[in-house]
Amino acid sequence: MSGTPPAPGQVPDRTGSVTVVYILYLVGLVVGITSLVGVIMAYVNRSDAPLWAQTHYRLQIRTFWIGLLYGLIGGVLTLAVIGFAVLVFVLVWLIVRCVKGLKFASNGQPYPNPETWIW
């Protein structure tokens, strides 16, 4: 990357931050707080990003909020024992979304259907 600023009318390439957000989400499975950092990065970078990267940021933002919802539902349902299965599903769901996102991002491709609730 050169030290010169982008020309007027051009936006800087933020493709590296797409990958960083996915990695922060995966690290968040162990550390926790890094997921919050990741969603903040996605919110900050999405408007300046190229169109293909915007699909990834949209998916990442939705992954955070939907994952939080699924996690809360699983946490409440642990009182009825089924919540443990829900929490395992949330774990697998998050890993699959991040790995698929990393695959598409590494190829510079948009994420297909970032509005989905599942994969």
N, C-alpha and C. Protein backbone atom coordinates (compact mmCIF):
# COMPACT_ATOMS: atom_id res chain seq x y z
N MET A 1 0.85 -1.18 0.00
CA MET A 1 0.00 0.00 0.00
C MET A 1 0.89 1.23 0.00
N SER A 2 0.62 2.18 -0.85
CA SER A 2 1.44 3.38 -0.93
C SER A 2 1.01 4.38 0.13
N GLY A 3 1.87 5.32 0.40
CA GLY A 3 1.60 6.31 1.42
C GLY A 3 0.82 7.50 0.89
N THR A 4 0.47 7.50 -0.39
CA THR A 4 -0.25 8.62 -0.97
C THR A 4 -1.74 8.47 -0.73
N PRO A 5 -2.41 9.57 -0.47
CA PRO A 5 -3.87 9.49 -0.28
C PRO A 5 -4.57 9.21 -1.60
N PRO A 6 -5.78 8.68 -1.54
CA PRO A 6 -6.51 8.42 -2.79
C PRO A 6 -6.83 9.72 -3.51
N ALA A 7 -6.95 9.61 -4.82
CA ALA A 7 -7.29 10.78 -5.64
C ALA A 7 -8.69 11.24 -5.30
N PRO A 8 -8.99 12.52 -5.55
CA PRO A 8 -10.33 13.01 -5.29
C PRO A 8 -11.38 12.17 -6.01
N GLY A 9 -12.44 11.84 -5.32
CA GLY A 9 -13.51 11.03 -5.90
C GLY A 9 -13.31 9.54 -5.72
N GLN A 10 -12.11 9.12 -5.29
CA GLN A 10 -11.85 7.70 -5.05
C GLN A 10 -11.96 7.42 -3.56
N VAL A 11 -12.36 6.23 -3.24
CA VAL A 11 -12.43 5.83 -1.84
C VAL A 11 -11.32 4.82 -1.58
N PRO A 12 -10.77 4.84 -0.38
CA PRO A 12 -9.71 3.88 -0.08
C PRO A 12 -10.26 2.46 -0.05
N ASP A 13 -9.42 1.50 -0.39
CA ASP A 13 -9.81 0.10 -0.40
C ASP A 13 -9.83 -0.44 1.02
N ARG A 14 -10.96 -0.94 1.48
CA ARG A 14 -11.10 -1.44 2.84
C ARG A 14 -11.33 -2.96 2.85
N THR A 15 -10.78 -3.63 1.87
CA THR A 15 -11.02 -5.06 1.77
C THR A 15 -10.38 -5.83 2.91
N GLY A 16 -9.26 -5.35 3.44
CA GLY A 16 -8.61 -6.03 4.55
C GLY A 16 -9.47 -6.03 5.80
N SER A 17 -10.24 -4.98 6.00
CA SER A 17 -11.06 -4.91 7.20
C SER A 17 -12.24 -5.89 7.13
N VAL A 18 -12.65 -6.28 5.93
CA VAL A 18 -13.69 -7.31 5.82
C VAL A 18 -13.19 -8.60 6.47
N THR A 19 -11.98 -8.98 6.13
CA THR A 19 -11.38 -10.19 6.68
C THR A 19 -11.16 -10.04 8.18
N VAL A 20 -10.72 -8.88 8.62
CA VAL A 20 -10.46 -8.65 10.04
C VAL A 20 -11.74 -8.83 10.86
N VAL A 21 -12.87 -8.35 10.34
CA VAL A 21 -14.14 -8.49 11.07
C VAL A 21 -14.51 -9.96 11.23
N TYR A 22 -14.36 -10.75 10.17
CA TYR A 22 -14.65 -12.17 10.28
C TYR A 22 -13.75 -12.83 11.33
N ILE A 23 -12.48 -12.47 11.32
CA ILE A 23 -11.55 -13.05 12.30
C ILE A 23 -11.91 -12.60 13.71
N LEU A 24 -12.30 -11.35 13.88
CA LEU A 24 -12.72 -10.88 15.19
C LEU A 24 -13.94 -11.65 15.70
N TYR A 25 -14.86 -11.96 14.81
CA TYR A 25 -16.03 -12.76 15.20
C TYR A 25 -15.61 -14.15 15.67
N LEU A 26 -14.69 -14.76 14.94
CA LEU A 26 -14.24 -16.11 15.33
C LEU A 26 -13.46 -16.07 16.64
N VAL A 27 -12.63 -15.07 16.82
CA VAL A 27 -11.91 -14.92 18.09
C VAL A 27 -12.89 -14.61 19.22
N GLY A 28 -13.97 -13.94 18.88
CA GLY A 28 -15.00 -13.61 19.86
C GLY A 28 -15.65 -14.83 20.48
N LEU A 29 -15.55 -15.97 19.83
CA LEU A 29 -16.07 -17.20 20.43
C LEU A 29 -15.30 -17.57 21.70
N VAL A 30 -14.06 -17.12 21.78
CA VAL A 30 -13.22 -17.39 22.95
C VAL A 30 -13.12 -16.17 23.85
N VAL A 31 -12.90 -15.01 23.25
CA VAL A 31 -12.64 -13.79 24.01
C VAL A 31 -13.92 -13.02 24.32
N GLY A 32 -14.83 -12.96 23.39
CA GLY A 32 -16.12 -12.30 23.62
C GLY A 32 -16.18 -10.88 23.10
N ILE A 33 -15.39 -10.00 23.65
CA ILE A 33 -15.49 -8.57 23.33
C ILE A 33 -15.08 -8.25 21.90
N THR A 34 -14.31 -9.11 21.28
CA THR A 34 -13.84 -8.81 19.92
C THR A 34 -15.00 -8.79 18.92
N SER A 35 -16.07 -9.49 19.21
CA SER A 35 -17.24 -9.44 18.32
C SER A 35 -17.84 -8.04 18.31
N LEU A 36 -17.85 -7.39 19.44
CA LEU A 36 -18.35 -6.02 19.52
C LEU A 36 -17.46 -5.08 18.72
N VAL A 37 -16.16 -5.26 18.81
CA VAL A 37 -15.22 -4.47 18.02
C VAL A 37 -15.48 -4.71 16.53
N GLY A 38 -15.73 -5.97 16.16
CA GLY A 38 -15.98 -6.31 14.77
C GLY A 38 -17.22 -5.65 14.21
N VAL A 39 -18.30 -5.64 14.97
CA VAL A 39 -19.53 -5.04 14.46
C VAL A 39 -19.37 -3.52 14.35
N ILE A 40 -18.63 -2.92 15.25
CA ILE A 40 -18.37 -1.48 15.15
C ILE A 40 -17.56 -1.19 13.88
N MET A 41 -16.56 -2.02 13.62
CA MET A 41 -15.77 -1.84 12.39
C MET A 41 -16.65 -1.98 11.15
N ALA A 42 -17.55 -2.94 11.16
CA ALA A 42 -18.44 -3.15 10.01
C ALA A 42 -19.34 -1.94 9.79
N TYR A 43 -19.88 -1.38 10.87
CA TYR A 43 -20.72 -0.19 10.75
C TYR A 43 -19.92 0.99 10.22
N VAL A 44 -18.69 1.16 10.70
CA VAL A 44 -17.87 2.31 10.30
C VAL A 44 -17.44 2.21 8.84
N ASN A 45 -17.08 1.02 8.39
CA ASN A 45 -16.50 0.85 7.05
C ASN A 45 -17.49 0.61 5.93
N ARG A 46 -18.73 0.30 6.24
CA ARG A 46 -19.63 -0.15 5.17
C ARG A 46 -19.97 0.92 4.15
N SER A 47 -20.06 2.18 4.52
CA SER A 47 -20.49 3.20 3.55
C SER A 47 -19.39 3.53 2.54
N ASP A 48 -18.13 3.42 2.93
CA ASP A 48 -17.02 3.76 2.02
C ASP A 48 -16.53 2.58 1.20
N ALA A 49 -17.05 1.41 1.45
CA ALA A 49 -16.52 0.19 0.85
C ALA A 49 -17.02 -0.01 -0.58
N PRO A 50 -16.26 -0.78 -1.37
CA PRO A 50 -16.77 -1.17 -2.68
C PRO A 50 -18.04 -2.01 -2.53
N LEU A 51 -18.82 -2.11 -3.57
CA LEU A 51 -20.10 -2.80 -3.48
C LEU A 51 -19.96 -4.25 -3.01
N TRP A 52 -18.94 -4.98 -3.50
CA TRP A 52 -18.79 -6.37 -3.08
C TRP A 52 -18.50 -6.44 -1.58
N ALA A 53 -17.74 -5.50 -1.05
CA ALA A 53 -17.42 -5.51 0.38
C ALA A 53 -18.64 -5.09 1.21
N GLN A 54 -19.49 -4.24 0.66
CA GLN A 54 -20.69 -3.83 1.38
C GLN A 54 -21.59 -5.03 1.69
N THR A 55 -21.61 -6.02 0.79
CA THR A 55 -22.41 -7.21 1.07
C THR A 55 -21.86 -7.96 2.27
N HIS A 56 -20.54 -7.97 2.41
CA HIS A 56 -19.91 -8.63 3.55
C HIS A 56 -20.21 -7.88 4.85
N TYR A 57 -20.11 -6.55 4.79
CA TYR A 57 -20.41 -5.77 6.00
C TYR A 57 -21.87 -5.94 6.41
N ARG A 58 -22.76 -6.00 5.43
CA ARG A 58 -24.18 -6.23 5.74
C ARG A 58 -24.35 -7.58 6.43
N LEU A 59 -23.71 -8.60 5.89
CA LEU A 59 -23.78 -9.93 6.50
C LEU A 59 -23.19 -9.91 7.91
N GLN A 60 -22.07 -9.23 8.08
CA GLN A 60 -21.41 -9.21 9.39
C GLN A 60 -22.27 -8.50 10.43
N ILE A 61 -22.89 -7.41 10.05
CA ILE A 61 -23.76 -6.70 10.98
C ILE A 61 -24.95 -7.58 11.36
N ARG A 62 -25.55 -8.20 10.36
CA ARG A 62 -26.68 -9.10 10.64
C ARG A 62 -26.24 -10.30 11.45
N THR A 63 -25.05 -10.82 11.20
CA THR A 63 -24.54 -11.95 11.97
C THR A 63 -24.44 -11.59 13.44
N PHE A 64 -23.95 -10.41 13.74
CA PHE A 64 -23.83 -9.99 15.14
C PHE A 64 -25.19 -9.95 15.81
N TRP A 65 -26.14 -9.23 15.21
CA TRP A 65 -27.44 -9.04 15.86
C TRP A 65 -28.28 -10.32 15.89
N ILE A 66 -28.28 -11.07 14.81
CA ILE A 66 -29.03 -12.33 14.80
C ILE A 66 -28.38 -13.32 15.76
N GLY A 67 -27.05 -13.35 15.79
CA GLY A 67 -26.35 -14.23 16.72
C GLY A 67 -26.64 -13.87 18.17
N LEU A 68 -26.73 -12.58 18.45
CA LEU A 68 -27.08 -12.14 19.80
C LEU A 68 -28.50 -12.60 20.15
N LEU A 69 -29.41 -12.46 19.21
CA LEU A 69 -30.79 -12.91 19.44
C LEU A 69 -30.85 -14.42 19.67
N TYR A 70 -30.21 -15.19 18.77
CA TYR A 70 -30.19 -16.65 18.92
C TYR A 70 -29.54 -17.04 20.25
N GLY A 71 -28.45 -16.36 20.61
CA GLY A 71 -27.77 -16.67 21.86
C GLY A 71 -28.63 -16.39 23.08
N LEU A 72 -29.36 -15.28 23.06
CA LEU A 72 -30.25 -14.97 24.18
C LEU A 72 -31.38 -16.00 24.29
N ILE A 73 -31.93 -16.38 23.15
CA ILE A 73 -32.98 -17.40 23.15
C ILE A 73 -32.42 -18.71 23.69
N GLY A 74 -31.24 -19.09 23.24
CA GLY A 74 -30.60 -20.32 23.74
C GLY A 74 -30.31 -20.24 25.22
N GLY A 75 -29.86 -19.07 25.68
CA GLY A 75 -29.58 -18.90 27.10
C GLY A 75 -30.82 -19.07 27.96
N VAL A 76 -31.92 -18.48 27.51
CA VAL A 76 -33.18 -18.62 28.26
C VAL A 76 -33.66 -20.06 28.23
N LEU A 77 -33.53 -20.71 27.08
CA LEU A 77 -34.01 -22.08 26.94
C LEU A 77 -33.14 -23.11 27.65
N THR A 78 -31.97 -22.70 28.15
CA THR A 78 -31.17 -23.67 28.91
C THR A 78 -31.90 -24.10 30.17
N LEU A 79 -32.84 -23.29 30.62
CA LEU A 79 -33.66 -23.68 31.76
C LEU A 79 -34.52 -24.89 31.41
N ALA A 80 -34.84 -25.05 30.14
CA ALA A 80 -35.63 -26.18 29.67
C ALA A 80 -34.74 -27.21 28.97
N VAL A 81 -33.45 -27.17 29.17
CA VAL A 81 -32.44 -28.07 28.66
C VAL A 81 -32.24 -27.97 27.14
N ILE A 82 -33.26 -27.70 26.36
CA ILE A 82 -33.12 -27.61 24.92
C ILE A 82 -32.22 -26.45 24.51
N GLY A 83 -32.04 -25.50 25.40
CA GLY A 83 -31.20 -24.35 25.10
C GLY A 83 -29.77 -24.72 24.78
N PHE A 84 -29.27 -25.82 25.34
CA PHE A 84 -27.91 -26.24 25.04
C PHE A 84 -27.78 -26.61 23.57
N ALA A 85 -28.79 -27.24 23.03
CA ALA A 85 -28.79 -27.58 21.60
C ALA A 85 -28.85 -26.30 20.76
N VAL A 86 -29.64 -25.34 21.20
CA VAL A 86 -29.74 -24.07 20.49
C VAL A 86 -28.38 -23.36 20.50
N LEU A 87 -27.70 -23.37 21.64
CA LEU A 87 -26.38 -22.72 21.72
C LEU A 87 -25.35 -23.42 20.85
N VAL A 88 -25.42 -24.73 20.73
CA VAL A 88 -24.51 -25.45 19.82
C VAL A 88 -24.82 -25.05 18.37
N PHE A 89 -26.11 -24.95 18.05
CA PHE A 89 -26.51 -24.50 16.72
C PHE A 89 -25.94 -23.11 16.44
N VAL A 90 -26.04 -22.20 17.40
CA VAL A 90 -25.54 -20.83 17.22
C VAL A 90 -24.03 -20.85 16.97
N LEU A 91 -23.31 -21.70 17.67
CA LEU A 91 -21.88 -21.82 17.49
C LEU A 91 -21.54 -22.28 16.07
N VAL A 92 -22.20 -23.33 15.61
CA VAL A 92 -21.97 -23.85 14.26
C VAL A 92 -22.40 -22.81 13.22
N TRP A 93 -23.53 -22.18 13.45
CA TRP A 93 -24.06 -21.16 12.54
C TRP A 93 -23.06 -20.03 12.35
N LEU A 94 -22.50 -19.54 13.45
CA LEU A 94 -21.55 -18.44 13.37
C LEU A 94 -20.27 -18.85 12.64
N ILE A 95 -19.77 -20.02 12.94
CA ILE A 95 -18.55 -20.49 12.29
C ILE A 95 -18.76 -20.66 10.78
N VAL A 96 -19.88 -21.24 10.39
CA VAL A 96 -20.17 -21.45 8.96
C VAL A 96 -20.28 -20.11 8.23
N ARG A 97 -20.99 -19.15 8.82
CA ARG A 97 -21.12 -17.84 8.18
C ARG A 97 -19.77 -17.16 8.01
N CYS A 98 -18.94 -17.23 9.04
CA CYS A 98 -17.63 -16.58 8.97
C CYS A 98 -16.71 -17.27 7.96
N VAL A 99 -16.70 -18.59 7.95
CA VAL A 99 -15.83 -19.31 7.02
C VAL A 99 -16.28 -19.06 5.58
N LYS A 100 -17.59 -19.10 5.33
CA LYS A 100 -18.07 -18.79 3.98
C LYS A 100 -17.72 -17.36 3.59
N GLY A 101 -17.89 -16.44 4.54
CA GLY A 101 -17.55 -15.05 4.26
C GLY A 101 -16.08 -14.86 3.96
N LEU A 102 -15.23 -15.53 4.72
CA LEU A 102 -13.79 -15.45 4.47
C LEU A 102 -13.44 -16.00 3.09
N LYS A 103 -14.11 -17.07 2.69
CA LYS A 103 -13.86 -17.66 1.38
C LYS A 103 -14.20 -16.68 0.26
N PHE A 104 -15.37 -16.07 0.35
CA PHE A 104 -15.77 -15.11 -0.69
C PHE A 104 -14.91 -13.85 -0.65
N ALA A 105 -14.59 -13.38 0.54
CA ALA A 105 -13.79 -12.16 0.67
C ALA A 105 -12.38 -12.35 0.13
N SER A 106 -11.81 -13.53 0.36
CA SER A 106 -10.45 -13.77 -0.13
C SER A 106 -10.38 -13.76 -1.65
N ASN A 107 -11.51 -14.05 -2.30
CA ASN A 107 -11.58 -14.01 -3.76
C ASN A 107 -12.10 -12.68 -4.29
N GLY A 108 -12.39 -11.75 -3.38
CA GLY A 108 -12.92 -10.45 -3.79
C GLY A 108 -14.32 -10.52 -4.35
N GLN A 109 -15.08 -11.53 -3.93
CA GLN A 109 -16.45 -11.72 -4.42
C GLN A 109 -17.46 -11.23 -3.38
N PRO A 110 -18.60 -10.75 -3.83
CA PRO A 110 -19.65 -10.37 -2.88
C PRO A 110 -20.23 -11.61 -2.21
N TYR A 111 -20.76 -11.42 -1.01
CA TYR A 111 -21.41 -12.53 -0.33
C TYR A 111 -22.80 -12.71 -0.93
N PRO A 112 -23.11 -13.92 -1.42
CA PRO A 112 -24.45 -14.12 -2.00
C PRO A 112 -25.51 -14.12 -0.89
N ASN A 113 -26.52 -13.37 -1.09
CA ASN A 113 -27.66 -13.29 -0.18
C ASN A 113 -27.24 -12.95 1.26
N PRO A 114 -26.72 -11.75 1.49
CA PRO A 114 -26.33 -11.37 2.85
C PRO A 114 -27.51 -11.14 3.78
N GLU A 115 -28.72 -11.17 3.25
CA GLU A 115 -29.92 -10.95 4.07
C GLU A 115 -30.42 -12.23 4.74
N THR A 116 -29.82 -13.36 4.47
CA THR A 116 -30.32 -14.62 4.99
C THR A 116 -30.16 -14.71 6.50
N TRP A 117 -31.03 -15.50 7.13
CA TRP A 117 -30.97 -15.72 8.57
C TRP A 117 -30.20 -17.00 8.89
N ILE A 118 -29.95 -17.83 7.90
CA ILE A 118 -29.30 -19.11 8.17
C ILE A 118 -27.85 -19.07 7.72
N TRP A 119 -27.51 -19.53 6.54
CA TRP A 119 -26.11 -19.60 6.12
C TRP A 119 -25.83 -18.53 5.12
